[in-house]
Amino acid sequence: MPENRFVKAAYKTGVYIGEPIQEKEDKTLIKIVAVLKHPMQGDLHNPKQVDVPLFHERKALAEFEKVWIPTANAKIYEEVVPDYRESLISAYNELKQQLEEKKDEYSQKSLETLKGLEHDYQLK
């Protein structure tokens, strides 16, 4: 992985832009610099299900948070890297809009958990 290059990588159900820091075997440590897709809400093992023991509130990874990802999932990102906060708000609003367009039980429950993130993200 070339140094000082940014990569696009999926982590759980979110997609991020990160700066590669270190490689170890088949994994790369990246430092998060922007959010492209906000993580889905709920149980990762039962996607889009409401009747689960715990419906998780899933936050986006924080700015400069470091995570290990499979190196094969790190794709070179050559576009302009957006500001972290602006990218977070954009990804949050995109997910919120997608959920508002649907009227199913999962979307409604996800909207409730997203509403709780407004305070954490200081959106209001």
PDB file of N, CA and C in Angstrom:
ATOM      1  N   MET A   1       0.857  -1.181   0.000  1.00  0.00           N
ATOM      2  CA  MET A   1       0.000   0.000   0.000  1.00  0.00           C
ATOM      3  C   MET A   1       0.904   1.245   0.000  1.00  0.00           C
ATOM      4  N   PRO A   2       0.787   2.122  -1.007  1.00  0.00           N
ATOM      5  CA  PRO A   2       1.641   3.305  -1.051  1.00  0.00           C
ATOM      6  C   PRO A   2       1.372   4.237   0.136  1.00  0.00           C
ATOM      7  N   GLU A   3       2.432   4.849   0.636  1.00  0.00           N
ATOM      8  CA  GLU A   3       2.265   5.767   1.760  1.00  0.00           C
ATOM      9  C   GLU A   3       1.608   7.062   1.305  1.00  0.00           C
ATOM     10  N   ASN A   4       0.961   7.740   2.255  1.00  0.00           N
ATOM     11  CA  ASN A   4       0.297   9.026   2.026  1.00  0.00           C
ATOM     12  C   ASN A   4      -0.775   8.958   0.948  1.00  0.00           C
ATOM     13  N   ARG A   5      -1.298   7.794   0.706  1.00  0.00           N
ATOM     14  CA  ARG A   5      -2.422   7.631  -0.204  1.00  0.00           C
ATOM     15  C   ARG A   5      -3.629   7.334   0.658  1.00  0.00           C
ATOM     16  N   PHE A   6      -4.773   7.689   0.187  1.00  0.00           N
ATOM     17  CA  PHE A   6      -5.990   7.386   0.920  1.00  0.00           C
ATOM     18  C   PHE A   6      -6.649   6.175   0.302  1.00  0.00           C
ATOM     19  N   VAL A   7      -7.386   5.436   1.135  1.00  0.00           N
ATOM     20  CA  VAL A   7      -8.106   4.265   0.657  1.00  0.00           C
ATOM     21  C   VAL A   7      -9.577   4.381   1.042  1.00  0.00           C
ATOM     22  N   LYS A   8     -10.386   3.701   0.263  1.00  0.00           N
ATOM     23  CA  LYS A   8     -11.814   3.560   0.561  1.00  0.00           C
ATOM     24  C   LYS A   8     -11.980   2.135   1.067  1.00  0.00           C
ATOM     25  N   ALA A   9     -12.679   2.002   2.207  1.00  0.00           N
ATOM     26  CA  ALA A   9     -12.821   0.665   2.773  1.00  0.00           C
ATOM     27  C   ALA A   9     -14.135   0.530   3.520  1.00  0.00           C
ATOM     28  N   ALA A  10     -14.727  -0.642   3.399  1.00  0.00           N
ATOM     29  CA  ALA A  10     -15.933  -0.964   4.168  1.00  0.00           C
ATOM     30  C   ALA A  10     -15.495  -1.500   5.515  1.00  0.00           C
ATOM     31  N   TYR A  11     -16.237  -1.097   6.550  1.00  0.00           N
ATOM     32  CA  TYR A  11     -16.004  -1.628   7.894  1.00  0.00           C
ATOM     33  C   TYR A  11     -17.367  -1.867   8.506  1.00  0.00           C
ATOM     34  N   LYS A  12     -17.651  -3.127   8.792  1.00  0.00           N
ATOM     35  CA  LYS A  12     -18.985  -3.551   9.212  1.00  0.00           C
ATOM     36  C   LYS A  12     -19.953  -3.082   8.128  1.00  0.00           C
ATOM     37  N   THR A  13     -20.915  -2.220   8.401  1.00  0.00           N
ATOM     38  CA  THR A  13     -21.838  -1.810   7.338  1.00  0.00           C
ATOM     39  C   THR A  13     -21.605  -0.382   6.877  1.00  0.00           C
ATOM     40  N   GLY A  14     -20.530   0.257   7.345  1.00  0.00           N
ATOM     41  CA  GLY A  14     -20.195   1.611   6.906  1.00  0.00           C
ATOM     42  C   GLY A  14     -19.092   1.565   5.862  1.00  0.00           C
ATOM     43  N   VAL A  15     -18.914   2.682   5.160  1.00  0.00           N
ATOM     44  CA  VAL A  15     -17.832   2.809   4.190  1.00  0.00           C
ATOM     45  C   VAL A  15     -17.093   4.110   4.524  1.00  0.00           C
ATOM     46  N   TYR A  16     -15.774   4.027   4.532  1.00  0.00           N
ATOM     47  CA  TYR A  16     -14.953   5.136   5.012  1.00  0.00           C
ATOM     48  C   TYR A  16     -13.791   5.418   4.072  1.00  0.00           C
ATOM     49  N   ILE A  17     -13.223   6.620   4.229  1.00  0.00           N
ATOM     50  CA  ILE A  17     -11.950   6.956   3.603  1.00  0.00           C
ATOM     51  C   ILE A  17     -10.941   6.972   4.747  1.00  0.00           C
ATOM     52  N   GLY A  18      -9.835   6.319   4.529  1.00  0.00           N
ATOM     53  CA  GLY A  18      -8.823   6.253   5.575  1.00  0.00           C
ATOM     54  C   GLY A  18      -7.425   6.398   5.018  1.00  0.00           C
ATOM     55  N   GLU A  19      -6.521   6.689   5.926  1.00  0.00           N
ATOM     56  CA  GLU A  19      -5.109   6.784   5.582  1.00  0.00           C
ATOM     57  C   GLU A  19      -4.418   5.533   6.095  1.00  0.00           C
ATOM     58  N   PRO A  20      -3.800   4.755   5.216  1.00  0.00           N
ATOM     59  CA  PRO A  20      -3.100   3.548   5.663  1.00  0.00           C
ATOM     60  C   PRO A  20      -1.935   3.910   6.591  1.00  0.00           C
ATOM     61  N   ILE A  21      -1.854   3.216   7.716  1.00  0.00           N
ATOM     62  CA  ILE A  21      -0.824   3.491   8.709  1.00  0.00           C
ATOM     63  C   ILE A  21       0.194   2.345   8.759  1.00  0.00           C
ATOM     64  N   GLN A  22      -0.334   1.111   8.711  1.00  0.00           N
ATOM     65  CA  GLN A  22       0.537  -0.049   8.910  1.00  0.00           C
ATOM     66  C   GLN A  22      -0.095  -1.265   8.233  1.00  0.00           C
ATOM     67  N   GLU A  23       0.757  -2.168   7.768  1.00  0.00           N
ATOM     68  CA  GLU A  23       0.282  -3.445   7.239  1.00  0.00           C
ATOM     69  C   GLU A  23       0.840  -4.575   8.080  1.00  0.00           C
ATOM     70  N   LYS A  24       0.004  -5.581   8.279  1.00  0.00           N
ATOM     71  CA  LYS A  24       0.431  -6.746   9.049  1.00  0.00           C
ATOM     72  C   LYS A  24      -0.271  -7.952   8.451  1.00  0.00           C
ATOM     73  N   GLU A  25       0.515  -8.835   7.857  1.00  0.00           N
ATOM     74  CA  GLU A  25      -0.016 -10.000   7.160  1.00  0.00           C
ATOM     75  C   GLU A  25      -1.040  -9.542   6.128  1.00  0.00           C
ATOM     76  N   ASP A  26      -2.298  -9.961   6.266  1.00  0.00           N
ATOM     77  CA  ASP A  26      -3.307  -9.613   5.258  1.00  0.00           C
ATOM     78  C   ASP A  26      -4.235  -8.492   5.728  1.00  0.00           C
ATOM     79  N   LYS A  27      -3.791  -7.710   6.708  1.00  0.00           N
ATOM     80  CA  LYS A  27      -4.611  -6.627   7.248  1.00  0.00           C
ATOM     81  C   LYS A  27      -3.864  -5.299   7.141  1.00  0.00           C
ATOM     82  N   THR A  28      -4.638  -4.223   7.040  1.00  0.00           N
ATOM     83  CA  THR A  28      -4.087  -2.876   6.993  1.00  0.00           C
ATOM     84  C   THR A  28      -4.760  -2.043   8.068  1.00  0.00           C
ATOM     85  N   LEU A  29      -3.959  -1.315   8.815  1.00  0.00           N
ATOM     86  CA  LEU A  29      -4.475  -0.383   9.815  1.00  0.00           C
ATOM     87  C   LEU A  29      -4.690   0.951   9.127  1.00  0.00           C
ATOM     88  N   ILE A  30      -5.941   1.444   9.192  1.00  0.00           N
ATOM     89  CA  ILE A  30      -6.223   2.745   8.579  1.00  0.00           C
ATOM     90  C   ILE A  30      -6.717   3.722   9.640  1.00  0.00           C
ATOM     91  N   LYS A  31      -6.414   4.997   9.380  1.00  0.00           N
ATOM     92  CA  LYS A  31      -6.886   6.088  10.231  1.00  0.00           C
ATOM     93  C   LYS A  31      -8.021   6.772   9.471  1.00  0.00           C
ATOM     94  N   ILE A  32      -9.204   6.802  10.076  1.00  0.00           N
ATOM     95  CA  ILE A  32     -10.409   7.328   9.429  1.00  0.00           C
ATOM     96  C   ILE A  32     -10.304   8.842   9.229  1.00  0.00           C
ATOM     97  N   VAL A  33     -10.591   9.284   7.996  1.00  0.00           N
ATOM     98  CA  VAL A  33     -10.577  10.721   7.706  1.00  0.00           C
ATOM     99  C   VAL A  33     -11.914  11.220   7.159  1.00  0.00           C
ATOM    100  N   ALA A  34     -12.793  10.295   6.718  1.00  0.00           N
ATOM    101  CA  ALA A  34     -14.103  10.708   6.204  1.00  0.00           C
ATOM    102  C   ALA A  34     -15.056   9.514   6.175  1.00  0.00           C
ATOM    103  N   VAL A  35     -16.358   9.816   6.151  1.00  0.00           N
ATOM    104  CA  VAL A  35     -17.412   8.799   6.118  1.00  0.00           C
ATOM    105  C   VAL A  35     -18.108   8.885   4.760  1.00  0.00           C
ATOM    106  N   LEU A  36     -18.159   7.775   4.035  1.00  0.00           N
ATOM    107  CA  LEU A  36     -18.865   7.758   2.756  1.00  0.00           C
ATOM    108  C   LEU A  36     -20.265   7.166   2.891  1.00  0.00           C
ATOM    109  N   LYS A  37     -20.422   6.191   3.778  1.00  0.00           N
ATOM    110  CA  LYS A  37     -21.727   5.560   3.998  1.00  0.00           C
ATOM    111  C   LYS A  37     -21.858   5.293   5.486  1.00  0.00           C
ATOM    112  N   HIS A  38     -22.944   5.805   6.061  1.00  0.00           N
ATOM    113  CA  HIS A  38     -23.184   5.613   7.495  1.00  0.00           C
ATOM    114  C   HIS A  38     -23.566   4.163   7.745  1.00  0.00           C
ATOM    115  N   PRO A  39     -23.117   3.575   8.860  1.00  0.00           N
ATOM    116  CA  PRO A  39     -23.495   2.189   9.165  1.00  0.00           C
ATOM    117  C   PRO A  39     -25.005   2.020   9.340  1.00  0.00           C
ATOM    118  N   MET A  40     -25.489   0.857   8.956  1.00  0.00           N
ATOM    119  CA  MET A  40     -26.898   0.509   9.169  1.00  0.00           C
ATOM    120  C   MET A  40     -27.134   0.310  10.656  1.00  0.00           C
ATOM    121  N   GLN A  41     -28.344   0.501  11.077  1.00  0.00           N
ATOM    122  CA  GLN A  41     -28.709   0.307  12.474  1.00  0.00           C
ATOM    123  C   GLN A  41     -29.182  -1.125  12.676  1.00  0.00           C
ATOM    124  N   GLY A  42     -29.166  -1.577  13.915  1.00  0.00           N
ATOM    125  CA  GLY A  42     -29.686  -2.903  14.225  1.00  0.00           C
ATOM    126  C   GLY A  42     -28.614  -3.948  14.440  1.00  0.00           C
ATOM    127  N   ASP A  43     -29.014  -5.189  14.368  1.00  0.00           N
ATOM    128  CA  ASP A  43     -28.167  -6.341  14.630  1.00  0.00           C
ATOM    129  C   ASP A  43     -27.449  -6.757  13.348  1.00  0.00           C
ATOM    130  N   LEU A  44     -26.118  -6.754  13.371  1.00  0.00           N
ATOM    131  CA  LEU A  44     -25.340  -7.114  12.180  1.00  0.00           C
ATOM    132  C   LEU A  44     -25.588  -8.548  11.737  1.00  0.00           C
ATOM    133  N   HIS A  45     -25.920  -9.417  12.685  1.00  0.00           N
ATOM    134  CA  HIS A  45     -26.130 -10.834  12.360  1.00  0.00           C
ATOM    135  C   HIS A  45     -27.533 -11.111  11.837  1.00  0.00           C
ATOM    136  N   ASN A  46     -28.439 -10.168  12.043  1.00  0.00           N
ATOM    137  CA  ASN A  46     -29.813 -10.276  11.545  1.00  0.00           C
ATOM    138  C   ASN A  46     -30.194  -8.959  10.867  1.00  0.00           C
ATOM    139  N   PRO A  47     -29.576  -8.669   9.718  1.00  0.00           N
ATOM    140  CA  PRO A  47     -29.822  -7.385   9.070  1.00  0.00           C
ATOM    141  C   PRO A  47     -31.291  -7.163   8.723  1.00  0.00           C
ATOM    142  N   LYS A  48     -31.711  -5.933   8.933  1.00  0.00           N
ATOM    143  CA  LYS A  48     -33.069  -5.469   8.615  1.00  0.00           C
ATOM    144  C   LYS A  48     -34.155  -6.201   9.399  1.00  0.00           C
ATOM    145  N   GLN A  49     -33.769  -6.781  10.535  1.00  0.00           N
ATOM    146  CA  GLN A  49     -34.736  -7.445  11.405  1.00  0.00           C
ATOM    147  C   GLN A  49     -34.957  -6.588  12.644  1.00  0.00           C
ATOM    148  N   VAL A  50     -36.191  -6.501  13.104  1.00  0.00           N
ATOM    149  CA  VAL A  50     -36.527  -5.705  14.283  1.00  0.00           C
ATOM    150  C   VAL A  50     -36.685  -6.595  15.505  1.00  0.00           C
ATOM    151  N   ASP A  51     -37.182  -7.797  15.289  1.00  0.00           N
ATOM    152  CA  ASP A  51     -37.439  -8.723  16.394  1.00  0.00           C
ATOM    153  C   ASP A  51     -36.144  -9.463  16.768  1.00  0.00           C
ATOM    154  N   VAL A  52     -35.210  -8.722  17.375  1.00  0.00           N
ATOM    155  CA  VAL A  52     -33.920  -9.274  17.797  1.00  0.00           C
ATOM    156  C   VAL A  52     -33.713  -8.935  19.276  1.00  0.00           C
ATOM    157  N   PRO A  53     -32.847  -9.683  19.974  1.00  0.00           N
ATOM    158  CA  PRO A  53     -32.638  -9.395  21.400  1.00  0.00           C
ATOM    159  C   PRO A  53     -32.189  -7.949  21.670  1.00  0.00           C
ATOM    160  N   LEU A  54     -31.332  -7.385  20.792  1.00  0.00           N
ATOM    161  CA  LEU A  54     -30.862  -6.010  20.983  1.00  0.00           C
ATOM    162  C   LEU A  54     -30.723  -5.333  19.628  1.00  0.00           C
ATOM    163  N   PHE A  55     -31.495  -4.277  19.417  1.00  0.00           N
ATOM    164  CA  PHE A  55     -31.426  -3.497  18.187  1.00  0.00           C
ATOM    165  C   PHE A  55     -30.373  -2.411  18.425  1.00  0.00           C
ATOM    166  N   HIS A  56     -29.187  -2.589  17.849  1.00  0.00           N
ATOM    167  CA  HIS A  56     -28.044  -1.721  18.143  1.00  0.00           C
ATOM    168  C   HIS A  56     -28.132  -0.352  17.478  1.00  0.00           C
ATOM    169  N   GLU A  57     -27.703   0.652  18.229  1.00  0.00           N
ATOM    170  CA  GLU A  57     -27.464   1.979  17.671  1.00  0.00           C
ATOM    171  C   GLU A  57     -26.030   1.947  17.159  1.00  0.00           C
ATOM    172  N   ARG A  58     -25.832   2.138  15.868  1.00  0.00           N
ATOM    173  CA  ARG A  58     -24.505   2.041  15.276  1.00  0.00           C
ATOM    174  C   ARG A  58     -24.017   3.409  14.840  1.00  0.00           C
ATOM    175  N   LYS A  59     -22.957   3.868  15.507  1.00  0.00           N
ATOM    176  CA  LYS A  59     -22.336   5.148  15.167  1.00  0.00           C
ATOM    177  C   LYS A  59     -21.305   4.939  14.061  1.00  0.00           C
ATOM    178  N   ALA A  60     -21.057   6.002  13.313  1.00  0.00           N
ATOM    179  CA  ALA A  60     -19.962   5.973  12.353  1.00  0.00           C
ATOM    180  C   ALA A  60     -18.649   6.009  13.126  1.00  0.00           C
ATOM    181  N   LEU A  61     -17.612   5.474  12.528  1.00  0.00           N
ATOM    182  CA  LEU A  61     -16.296   5.555  13.149  1.00  0.00           C
ATOM    183  C   LEU A  61     -15.902   7.023  13.288  1.00  0.00           C
ATOM    184  N   ALA A  62     -15.201   7.341  14.364  1.00  0.00           N
ATOM    185  CA  ALA A  62     -14.813   8.715  14.662  1.00  0.00           C
ATOM    186  C   ALA A  62     -13.641   9.166  13.793  1.00  0.00           C
ATOM    187  N   GLU A  63     -13.513  10.474  13.659  1.00  0.00           N
ATOM    188  CA  GLU A  63     -12.382  11.032  12.937  1.00  0.00           C
ATOM    189  C   GLU A  63     -11.091  10.595  13.636  1.00  0.00           C
ATOM    190  N   PHE A  64     -10.144  10.125  12.860  1.00  0.00           N
ATOM    191  CA  PHE A  64      -8.821   9.661  13.295  1.00  0.00           C
ATOM    192  C   PHE A  64      -8.857   8.336  14.056  1.00  0.00           C
ATOM    193  N   GLU A  65     -10.040   7.718  14.190  1.00  0.00           N
ATOM    194  CA  GLU A  65     -10.110   6.393  14.799  1.00  0.00           C
ATOM    195  C   GLU A  65      -9.341   5.424  13.896  1.00  0.00           C
ATOM    196  N   LYS A  66      -8.682   4.471  14.502  1.00  0.00           N
ATOM    197  CA  LYS A  66      -7.893   3.504  13.733  1.00  0.00           C
ATOM    198  C   LYS A  66      -8.558   2.132  13.795  1.00  0.00           C
ATOM    199  N   VAL A  67      -8.651   1.481  12.643  1.00  0.00           N
ATOM    200  CA  VAL A  67      -9.246   0.149  12.568  1.00  0.00           C
ATOM    201  C   VAL A  67      -8.444  -0.719  11.599  1.00  0.00           C
ATOM    202  N   TRP A  68      -8.420  -2.014  11.905  1.00  0.00           N
ATOM    203  CA  TRP A  68      -7.800  -2.992  11.017  1.00  0.00           C
ATOM    204  C   TRP A  68      -8.849  -3.482  10.028  1.00  0.00           C
ATOM    205  N   ILE A  69      -8.481  -3.487   8.769  1.00  0.00           N
ATOM    206  CA  ILE A  69      -9.364  -4.003   7.719  1.00  0.00           C
ATOM    207  C   ILE A  69      -8.571  -4.993   6.864  1.00  0.00           C
ATOM    208  N   PRO A  70      -9.265  -5.911   6.193  1.00  0.00           N
ATOM    209  CA  PRO A  70      -8.537  -6.784   5.266  1.00  0.00           C
ATOM    210  C   PRO A  70      -7.903  -5.935   4.157  1.00  0.00           C
ATOM    211  N   THR A  71      -6.636  -6.148   3.886  1.00  0.00           N
ATOM    212  CA  THR A  71      -5.928  -5.360   2.870  1.00  0.00           C
ATOM    213  C   THR A  71      -6.627  -5.439   1.523  1.00  0.00           C
ATOM    214  N   ALA A  72      -7.202  -6.582   1.204  1.00  0.00           N
ATOM    215  CA  ALA A  72      -7.905  -6.747  -0.074  1.00  0.00           C
ATOM    216  C   ALA A  72      -9.106  -5.803  -0.188  1.00  0.00           C
ATOM    217  N   ASN A  73      -9.644  -5.349   0.932  1.00  0.00           N
ATOM    218  CA  ASN A  73     -10.803  -4.439   0.921  1.00  0.00           C
ATOM    219  C   ASN A  73     -10.411  -2.976   0.816  1.00  0.00           C
ATOM    220  N   ALA A  74      -9.134  -2.666   0.886  1.00  0.00           N
ATOM    221  CA  ALA A  74      -8.661  -1.280   0.819  1.00  0.00           C
ATOM    222  C   ALA A  74      -8.407  -0.910  -0.639  1.00  0.00           C
ATOM    223  N   LYS A  75      -9.246  -0.064  -1.177  1.00  0.00           N
ATOM    224  CA  LYS A  75      -9.119   0.370  -2.574  1.00  0.00           C
ATOM    225  C   LYS A  75      -8.603   1.810  -2.596  1.00  0.00           C
ATOM    226  N   ILE A  76      -7.644   2.079  -3.460  1.00  0.00           N
ATOM    227  CA  ILE A  76      -7.074   3.426  -3.551  1.00  0.00           C
ATOM    228  C   ILE A  76      -8.198   4.435  -3.814  1.00  0.00           C
ATOM    229  N   TYR A  77      -8.169   5.534  -3.065  1.00  0.00           N
ATOM    230  CA  TYR A  77      -9.169   6.604  -3.201  1.00  0.00           C
ATOM    231  C   TYR A  77      -8.442   7.820  -3.758  1.00  0.00           C
ATOM    232  N   GLU A  78      -8.777   8.198  -4.995  1.00  0.00           N
ATOM    233  CA  GLU A  78      -8.052   9.277  -5.666  1.00  0.00           C
ATOM    234  C   GLU A  78      -8.841  10.566  -5.777  1.00  0.00           C
ATOM    235  N   GLU A  79     -10.079  10.566  -5.294  1.00  0.00           N
ATOM    236  CA  GLU A  79     -10.884  11.782  -5.361  1.00  0.00           C
ATOM    237  C   GLU A  79     -10.502  12.719  -4.221  1.00  0.00           C
ATOM    238  N   VAL A  80     -11.087  13.914  -4.235  1.00  0.00           N
ATOM    239  CA  VAL A  80     -10.841  14.866  -3.155  1.00  0.00           C
ATOM    240  C   VAL A  80     -11.434  14.301  -1.869  1.00  0.00           C
ATOM    241  N   VAL A  81     -10.651  14.308  -0.810  1.00  0.00           N
ATOM    242  CA  VAL A  81     -11.107  13.795   0.477  1.00  0.00           C
ATOM    243  C   VAL A  81     -11.920  14.887   1.170  1.00  0.00           C
ATOM    244  N   PRO A  82     -13.192  14.598   1.462  1.00  0.00           N
ATOM    245  CA  PRO A  82     -14.025  15.618   2.107  1.00  0.00           C
ATOM    246  C   PRO A  82     -13.649  15.806   3.583  1.00  0.00           C
ATOM    247  N   ASP A  83     -14.075  16.911   4.135  1.00  0.00           N
ATOM    248  CA  ASP A  83     -13.928  17.181   5.555  1.00  0.00           C
ATOM    249  C   ASP A  83     -14.700  16.110   6.327  1.00  0.00           C
ATOM    250  N   TYR A  84     -14.128  15.622   7.428  1.00  0.00           N
ATOM    251  CA  TYR A  84     -14.770  14.550   8.186  1.00  0.00           C
ATOM    252  C   TYR A  84     -16.192  14.932   8.597  1.00  0.00           C
ATOM    253  N   ARG A  85     -16.356  16.061   9.259  1.00  0.00           N
ATOM    254  CA  ARG A  85     -17.673  16.455   9.780  1.00  0.00           C
ATOM    255  C   ARG A  85     -18.696  16.583   8.656  1.00  0.00           C
ATOM    256  N   GLU A  86     -18.311  17.221   7.571  1.00  0.00           N
ATOM    257  CA  GLU A  86     -19.223  17.367   6.434  1.00  0.00           C
ATOM    258  C   GLU A  86     -19.598  16.000   5.861  1.00  0.00           C
ATOM    259  N   SER A  87     -18.631  15.100   5.789  1.00  0.00           N
ATOM    260  CA  SER A  87     -18.907  13.767   5.240  1.00  0.00           C
ATOM    261  C   SER A  87     -19.817  12.980   6.180  1.00  0.00           C
ATOM    262  N   LEU A  88     -19.618  13.131   7.485  1.00  0.00           N
ATOM    263  CA  LEU A  88     -20.470  12.461   8.470  1.00  0.00           C
ATOM    264  C   LEU A  88     -21.910  12.934   8.340  1.00  0.00           C
ATOM    265  N   ILE A  89     -22.105  14.233   8.277  1.00  0.00           N
ATOM    266  CA  ILE A  89     -23.452  14.802   8.167  1.00  0.00           C
ATOM    267  C   ILE A  89     -24.111  14.348   6.868  1.00  0.00           C
ATOM    268  N   SER A  90     -23.351  14.359   5.783  1.00  0.00           N
ATOM    269  CA  SER A  90     -23.886  13.937   4.489  1.00  0.00           C
ATOM    270  C   SER A  90     -24.291  12.460   4.511  1.00  0.00           C
ATOM    271  N   ALA A  91     -23.435  11.591   5.067  1.00  0.00           N
ATOM    272  CA  ALA A  91     -23.735  10.156   5.132  1.00  0.00           C
ATOM    273  C   ALA A  91     -24.934   9.904   6.046  1.00  0.00           C
ATOM    274  N   TYR A  92     -24.984  10.604   7.166  1.00  0.00           N
ATOM    275  CA  TYR A  92     -26.104  10.487   8.109  1.00  0.00           C
ATOM    276  C   TYR A  92     -27.415  10.881   7.421  1.00  0.00           C
ATOM    277  N   ASN A  93     -27.406  12.045   6.760  1.00  0.00           N
ATOM    278  CA  ASN A  93     -28.619  12.532   6.092  1.00  0.00           C
ATOM    279  C   ASN A  93     -29.058  11.623   4.953  1.00  0.00           C
ATOM    280  N   GLU A  94     -28.104  11.051   4.242  1.00  0.00           N
ATOM    281  CA  GLU A  94     -28.437  10.124   3.145  1.00  0.00           C
ATOM    282  C   GLU A  94     -29.133   8.878   3.694  1.00  0.00           C
ATOM    283  N   LEU A  95     -28.585   8.304   4.765  1.00  0.00           N
ATOM    284  CA  LEU A  95     -29.218   7.131   5.371  1.00  0.00           C
ATOM    285  C   LEU A  95     -30.602   7.485   5.905  1.00  0.00           C
ATOM    286  N   LYS A  96     -30.702   8.611   6.575  1.00  0.00           N
ATOM    287  CA  LYS A  96     -31.978   9.048   7.132  1.00  0.00           C
ATOM    288  C   LYS A  96     -33.035   9.205   6.030  1.00  0.00           C
ATOM    289  N   GLN A  97     -32.644   9.817   4.923  1.00  0.00           N
ATOM    290  CA  GLN A  97     -33.574  10.003   3.809  1.00  0.00           C
ATOM    291  C   GLN A  97     -34.022   8.660   3.223  1.00  0.00           C
ATOM    292  N   GLN A  98     -33.086   7.734   3.059  1.00  0.00           N
ATOM    293  CA  GLN A  98     -33.427   6.406   2.528  1.00  0.00           C
ATOM    294  C   GLN A  98     -34.431   5.709   3.442  1.00  0.00           C
ATOM    295  N   LEU A  99     -34.217   5.823   4.751  1.00  0.00           N
ATOM    296  CA  LEU A  99     -35.112   5.167   5.710  1.00  0.00           C
ATOM    297  C   LEU A  99     -36.485   5.840   5.739  1.00  0.00           C
ATOM    298  N   GLU A 100     -36.515   7.165   5.598  1.00  0.00           N
ATOM    299  CA  GLU A 100     -37.792   7.896   5.612  1.00  0.00           C
ATOM    300  C   GLU A 100     -38.653   7.549   4.404  1.00  0.00           C
ATOM    301  N   GLU A 101     -38.021   7.170   3.298  1.00  0.00           N
ATOM    302  CA  GLU A 101     -38.760   6.821   2.082  1.00  0.00           C
ATOM    303  C   GLU A 101     -39.455   5.473   2.208  1.00  0.00           C
ATOM    304  N   LYS A 102     -38.974   4.642   3.122  1.00  0.00           N
ATOM    305  CA  LYS A 102     -39.571   3.322   3.326  1.00  0.00           C
ATOM    306  C   LYS A 102     -40.506   3.394   4.525  1.00  0.00           C
ATOM    307  N   LYS A 103     -41.509   2.592   4.516  1.00  0.00           N
ATOM    308  CA  LYS A 103     -42.488   2.622   5.614  1.00  0.00           C
ATOM    309  C   LYS A 103     -42.501   1.321   6.404  1.00  0.00           C
ATOM    310  N   ASP A 104     -41.471   0.497   6.233  1.00  0.00           N
ATOM    311  CA  ASP A 104     -41.449  -0.782   6.941  1.00  0.00           C
ATOM    312  C   ASP A 104     -40.991  -0.602   8.387  1.00  0.00           C
ATOM    313  N   GLU A 105     -41.190  -1.641   9.175  1.00  0.00           N
ATOM    314  CA  GLU A 105     -40.893  -1.602  10.607  1.00  0.00           C
ATOM    315  C   GLU A 105     -39.399  -1.387  10.877  1.00  0.00           C
ATOM    316  N   TYR A 106     -38.540  -2.036  10.081  1.00  0.00           N
ATOM    317  CA  TYR A 106     -37.098  -1.869  10.261  1.00  0.00           C
ATOM    318  C   TYR A 106     -36.688  -0.410  10.056  1.00  0.00           C
ATOM    319  N   SER A 107     -37.186   0.212   9.002  1.00  0.00           N
ATOM    320  CA  SER A 107     -36.829   1.607   8.712  1.00  0.00           C
ATOM    321  C   SER A 107     -37.274   2.532   9.835  1.00  0.00           C
ATOM    322  N   GLN A 108     -38.465   2.307  10.365  1.00  0.00           N
ATOM    323  CA  GLN A 108     -38.976   3.144  11.454  1.00  0.00           C
ATOM    324  C   GLN A 108     -38.117   2.982  12.714  1.00  0.00           C
ATOM    325  N   LYS A 109     -37.760   1.750  13.040  1.00  0.00           N
ATOM    326  CA  LYS A 109     -36.911   1.493  14.209  1.00  0.00           C
ATOM    327  C   LYS A 109     -35.520   2.107  14.005  1.00  0.00           C
ATOM    328  N   SER A 110     -34.991   2.014  12.804  1.00  0.00           N
ATOM    329  CA  SER A 110     -33.685   2.600  12.492  1.00  0.00           C
ATOM    330  C   SER A 110     -33.721   4.118  12.625  1.00  0.00           C
ATOM    331  N   LEU A 111     -34.816   4.729  12.185  1.00  0.00           N
ATOM    332  CA  LEU A 111     -34.953   6.176  12.319  1.00  0.00           C
ATOM    333  C   LEU A 111     -34.947   6.596  13.786  1.00  0.00           C
ATOM    334  N   GLU A 112     -35.565   5.781  14.641  1.00  0.00           N
ATOM    335  CA  GLU A 112     -35.555   6.074  16.081  1.00  0.00           C
ATOM    336  C   GLU A 112     -34.129   6.060  16.626  1.00  0.00           C
ATOM    337  N   THR A 113     -33.346   5.063  16.230  1.00  0.00           N
ATOM    338  CA  THR A 113     -31.973   4.990  16.743  1.00  0.00           C
ATOM    339  C   THR A 113     -31.108   6.107  16.148  1.00  0.00           C
ATOM    340  N   LEU A 114     -31.358   6.443  14.889  1.00  0.00           N
ATOM    341  CA  LEU A 114     -30.601   7.543  14.282  1.00  0.00           C
ATOM    342  C   LEU A 114     -30.882   8.856  15.008  1.00  0.00           C
ATOM    343  N   LYS A 115     -32.125   9.046  15.411  1.00  0.00           N
ATOM    344  CA  LYS A 115     -32.496  10.270  16.122  1.00  0.00           C
ATOM    345  C   LYS A 115     -31.651  10.426  17.385  1.00  0.00           C
ATOM    346  N   GLY A 116     -31.345   9.306  18.048  1.00  0.00           N
ATOM    347  CA  GLY A 116     -30.491   9.341  19.222  1.00  0.00           C
ATOM    348  C   GLY A 116     -29.070   9.785  18.905  1.00  0.00           C
ATOM    349  N   LEU A 117     -28.630   9.572  17.674  1.00  0.00           N
ATOM    350  CA  LEU A 117     -27.277   9.961  17.281  1.00  0.00           C
ATOM    351  C   LEU A 117     -27.156  11.461  16.998  1.00  0.00           C
ATOM    352  N   GLU A 118     -28.292  12.130  16.786  1.00  0.00           N
ATOM    353  CA  GLU A 118     -28.247  13.572  16.511  1.00  0.00           C
ATOM    354  C   GLU A 118     -27.516  14.310  17.617  1.00  0.00           C
ATOM    355  N   HIS A 119     -27.754  13.928  18.864  1.00  0.00           N
ATOM    356  CA  HIS A 119     -27.077  14.576  19.995  1.00  0.00           C
ATOM    357  C   HIS A 119     -25.580  14.232  19.987  1.00  0.00           C
ATOM    358  N   ASP A 120     -25.265  12.950  19.801  1.00  0.00           N
ATOM    359  CA  ASP A 120     -23.865  12.536  19.788  1.00  0.00           C
ATOM    360  C   ASP A 120     -23.082  13.237  18.683  1.00  0.00           C
ATOM    361  N   TYR A 121     -23.706  13.412  17.539  1.00  0.00           N
ATOM    362  CA  TYR A 121     -23.051  14.052  16.396  1.00  0.00           C
ATOM    363  C   TYR A 121     -23.169  15.574  16.462  1.00  0.00           C
ATOM    364  N   GLN A 122     -23.878  16.086  17.455  1.00  0.00           N
ATOM    365  CA  GLN A 122     -24.111  17.521  17.631  1.00  0.00           C
ATOM    366  C   GLN A 122     -24.740  18.136  16.387  1.00  0.00           C
ATOM    367  N   LEU A 123     -25.806  17.480  15.914  1.00  0.00           N
ATOM    368  CA  LEU A 123     -26.516  17.956  14.730  1.00  0.00           C
ATOM    369  C   LEU A 123     -27.587  18.982  15.088  1.00  0.00           C
ATOM    370  N   LYS A 124     -28.011  18.991  16.350  1.00  0.00           N
ATOM    371  CA  LYS A 124     -29.042  19.935  16.767  1.00  0.00           C
ATOM    372  C   LYS A 124     -28.603  20.695  17.980  1.00  0.00           C
TER     373      LYS A 124
END
